[in-house]
N, C-alpha and C. Protein backbone atom coordinates (compact mmCIF):
# COMPACT_ATOMS: atom_id res chain seq x y z
N UNK A 1 1.74 -14.58 -1.24
CA UNK A 1 0.87 -14.11 -0.26
C UNK A 1 0.01 -13.03 -0.90
N UNK A 2 -1.30 -13.06 -0.56
CA UNK A 2 -2.32 -12.12 -0.99
C UNK A 2 -3.18 -11.65 0.19
N UNK A 3 -3.75 -10.64 0.05
CA UNK A 3 -4.77 -10.11 0.78
C UNK A 3 -6.06 -10.34 0.34
N UNK A 4 -6.87 -10.81 1.04
CA UNK A 4 -8.26 -10.95 0.44
C UNK A 4 -9.15 -9.65 0.29
N UNK A 5 -10.06 -9.73 -0.49
CA UNK A 5 -10.73 -8.56 -1.00
C UNK A 5 -11.45 -7.82 0.18
N UNK A 6 -12.00 -8.56 1.26
CA UNK A 6 -12.66 -8.07 2.41
C UNK A 6 -11.66 -7.22 3.18
N UNK A 7 -10.28 -7.77 3.28
CA UNK A 7 -9.42 -7.02 4.11
C UNK A 7 -8.97 -5.70 3.35
N UNK A 8 -8.95 -5.83 2.14
CA UNK A 8 -8.55 -4.65 1.32
C UNK A 8 -9.69 -3.58 1.28
N UNK A 9 -10.77 -4.04 1.49
CA UNK A 9 -11.91 -3.00 1.38
C UNK A 9 -12.07 -2.16 2.89
N UNK A 10 -11.49 -2.90 3.87
CA UNK A 10 -11.50 -2.14 5.07
C UNK A 10 -10.29 -1.42 5.52
N UNK A 11 -9.14 -1.69 4.84
CA UNK A 11 -7.92 -0.88 5.33
C UNK A 11 -7.90 0.22 4.40
N UNK A 12 -7.37 1.46 5.01
CA UNK A 12 -7.23 2.68 4.19
C UNK A 12 -5.97 3.36 4.71
N UNK A 13 -5.55 4.22 3.94
CA UNK A 13 -4.18 4.90 4.25
C UNK A 13 -4.45 5.67 5.58
N UNK A 14 -3.53 5.47 6.52
CA UNK A 14 -3.68 6.16 7.86
C UNK A 14 -3.45 7.90 7.69
N UNK A 15 -3.00 8.26 6.76
CA UNK A 15 -2.73 9.70 6.57
C UNK A 15 -3.95 10.48 5.91
N UNK A 16 -4.32 9.95 4.70
CA UNK A 16 -5.32 10.64 3.90
C UNK A 16 -6.68 9.91 3.95
N UNK A 17 -6.69 8.66 4.49
CA UNK A 17 -7.94 7.87 4.55
C UNK A 17 -8.32 7.38 3.23
N UNK A 18 -7.39 7.44 2.29
CA UNK A 18 -7.60 6.99 0.76
C UNK A 18 -7.58 5.46 0.65
N UNK A 19 -7.95 5.05 -0.46
CA UNK A 19 -7.96 3.61 -0.82
C UNK A 19 -6.45 3.33 -1.12
N UNK A 20 -6.39 1.94 -0.55
CA UNK A 20 -4.91 1.29 -0.76
C UNK A 20 -5.01 0.23 -1.73
N UNK A 21 -3.99 0.04 -2.72
CA UNK A 21 -3.96 -1.02 -3.66
C UNK A 21 -2.82 -1.92 -3.44
N UNK A 22 -3.25 -3.15 -3.46
CA UNK A 22 -2.27 -4.28 -3.17
C UNK A 22 -1.34 -4.48 -4.28
N UNK A 23 -0.04 -4.46 -4.11
CA UNK A 23 1.05 -4.73 -5.08
C UNK A 23 1.70 -5.92 -4.57
N UNK A 24 1.24 -7.09 -5.23
CA UNK A 24 1.82 -8.38 -4.83
C UNK A 24 3.46 -8.56 -5.02
N UNK A 25 3.95 -8.01 -6.12
CA UNK A 25 5.29 -8.12 -6.42
C UNK A 25 6.19 -7.78 -5.34
N UNK A 26 5.79 -6.65 -4.57
CA UNK A 26 6.61 -5.97 -3.71
C UNK A 26 5.99 -6.35 -2.26
N UNK A 27 4.86 -7.00 -2.16
CA UNK A 27 4.23 -7.09 -0.87
C UNK A 27 4.02 -5.81 -0.08
N UNK A 28 3.31 -4.96 -0.78
CA UNK A 28 3.08 -3.68 -0.23
C UNK A 28 1.75 -3.10 -0.56
N UNK A 29 1.11 -2.28 0.26
CA UNK A 29 -0.02 -1.61 -0.05
C UNK A 29 0.25 -0.22 -0.26
N UNK A 30 -0.16 0.30 -1.58
CA UNK A 30 0.13 1.54 -2.17
C UNK A 30 -0.97 2.55 -2.02
N UNK A 31 -0.53 3.66 -1.51
CA UNK A 31 -1.37 4.90 -1.38
C UNK A 31 -0.87 5.72 -2.58
N UNK A 32 -1.69 5.90 -3.51
CA UNK A 32 -1.28 6.88 -4.79
C UNK A 32 -1.42 8.15 -4.39
N UNK A 33 -2.36 8.64 -3.48
CA UNK A 33 -2.34 9.95 -3.17
C UNK A 33 -1.21 10.48 -2.43
N UNK A 34 -0.72 9.78 -1.44
CA UNK A 34 0.35 10.22 -0.55
C UNK A 34 1.76 9.72 -1.02
N UNK A 35 1.69 8.94 -2.28
CA UNK A 35 2.83 8.33 -2.78
C UNK A 35 3.73 7.62 -1.61
N UNK A 36 2.89 6.68 -1.15
CA UNK A 36 3.60 5.84 0.13
C UNK A 36 3.30 4.41 -0.12
N UNK A 37 4.21 3.59 0.12
CA UNK A 37 4.16 2.09 0.10
C UNK A 37 4.08 1.46 1.49
N UNK A 38 3.25 0.93 1.98
CA UNK A 38 3.24 0.30 3.34
C UNK A 38 3.69 -1.30 3.16
N UNK A 39 4.37 -1.70 4.05
CA UNK A 39 4.89 -3.14 3.85
C UNK A 39 3.71 -4.06 4.51
N UNK A 40 3.65 -5.29 3.85
CA UNK A 40 2.80 -6.36 4.49
C UNK A 40 3.81 -7.60 4.86
N UNK A 41 3.87 -7.83 5.97
CA UNK A 41 4.84 -9.04 6.44
C UNK A 41 3.85 -9.96 7.08
N UNK A 42 4.05 -11.41 6.73
CA UNK A 42 3.25 -12.36 7.26
C UNK A 42 1.72 -12.07 7.32
N UNK A 43 1.34 -11.41 6.28
CA UNK A 43 0.07 -11.12 6.01
C UNK A 43 -0.56 -10.01 6.98
N UNK A 44 0.42 -9.23 7.58
CA UNK A 44 -0.07 -8.22 8.56
C UNK A 44 0.40 -6.86 7.84
N UNK A 45 -0.59 -5.94 7.57
CA UNK A 45 -0.20 -4.74 7.08
C UNK A 45 0.46 -3.78 8.14
N UNK A 46 1.42 -3.15 7.85
CA UNK A 46 2.24 -2.32 8.79
C UNK A 46 1.76 -0.86 8.42
N UNK A 47 0.70 -0.30 8.80
CA UNK A 47 0.32 1.01 8.20
C UNK A 47 0.68 2.23 9.17
N UNK A 48 1.97 2.22 9.34
CA UNK A 48 2.64 3.23 10.08
C UNK A 48 3.45 4.09 9.14
N UNK A 49 3.31 5.35 9.35
CA UNK A 49 4.03 6.32 8.50
C UNK A 49 5.69 5.97 8.57
N UNK A 50 6.22 5.60 9.66
CA UNK A 50 7.51 5.44 9.85
C UNK A 50 7.99 4.08 9.21
N UNK A 51 6.95 3.19 8.88
CA UNK A 51 7.37 1.96 8.16
C UNK A 51 7.12 2.17 6.70
N UNK A 52 6.58 3.25 6.20
CA UNK A 52 6.15 3.45 4.87
C UNK A 52 7.35 3.88 4.06
N UNK A 53 7.34 3.44 2.84
CA UNK A 53 8.46 3.90 1.82
C UNK A 53 7.80 4.81 0.90
N UNK A 54 8.61 5.95 0.68
CA UNK A 54 8.21 6.98 -0.29
C UNK A 54 8.34 6.50 -1.69
N UNK A 55 7.32 6.76 -2.55
CA UNK A 55 7.38 6.39 -3.91
C UNK A 55 7.71 7.69 -4.82
N UNK A 56 8.57 7.35 -5.73
CA UNK A 56 8.74 8.52 -6.64
C UNK A 56 7.68 8.54 -7.72
N UNK A 57 7.62 9.57 -8.48
CA UNK A 57 6.76 9.64 -9.63
C UNK A 57 6.91 8.40 -10.66
N UNK A 58 8.16 8.07 -10.84
CA UNK A 58 8.51 6.92 -11.84
C UNK A 58 8.06 5.71 -10.98
N UNK A 59 8.11 5.52 -9.85
CA UNK A 59 7.71 4.38 -9.30
C UNK A 59 6.15 4.26 -9.33
N UNK A 60 5.45 5.27 -9.26
CA UNK A 60 3.93 5.27 -9.47
C UNK A 60 3.67 4.94 -10.95
N UNK A 61 4.28 5.38 -11.85
CA UNK A 61 4.00 5.14 -13.29
C UNK A 61 4.30 3.65 -13.61
N UNK A 62 5.17 2.95 -12.98
CA UNK A 62 5.44 1.52 -13.31
C UNK A 62 4.34 0.62 -12.51
N UNK A 63 3.62 1.05 -11.72
CA UNK A 63 2.56 0.20 -10.89
C UNK A 63 1.45 0.08 -11.93
N UNK A 64 0.90 -1.15 -11.80
CA UNK A 64 -0.43 -1.31 -12.61
C UNK A 64 -1.50 -0.45 -11.98
N UNK A 65 -2.42 0.03 -13.01
CA UNK A 65 -3.49 0.90 -12.57
C UNK A 65 -4.48 0.12 -11.82
């Protein structure tokens, strides 16, 4: 599953309005600023803070830039 570039250009973090990065291995949209990972299920991004997973500093280091 992938998100197309047009969709990625439109979606932002609901908390900080920052850019989200697609991480295909975990099917999540990552906000580096808030250290949150939002799930994508059936090509639908769930951009709710209650759905987001908090990322540790180690998690962020392991993600591609």
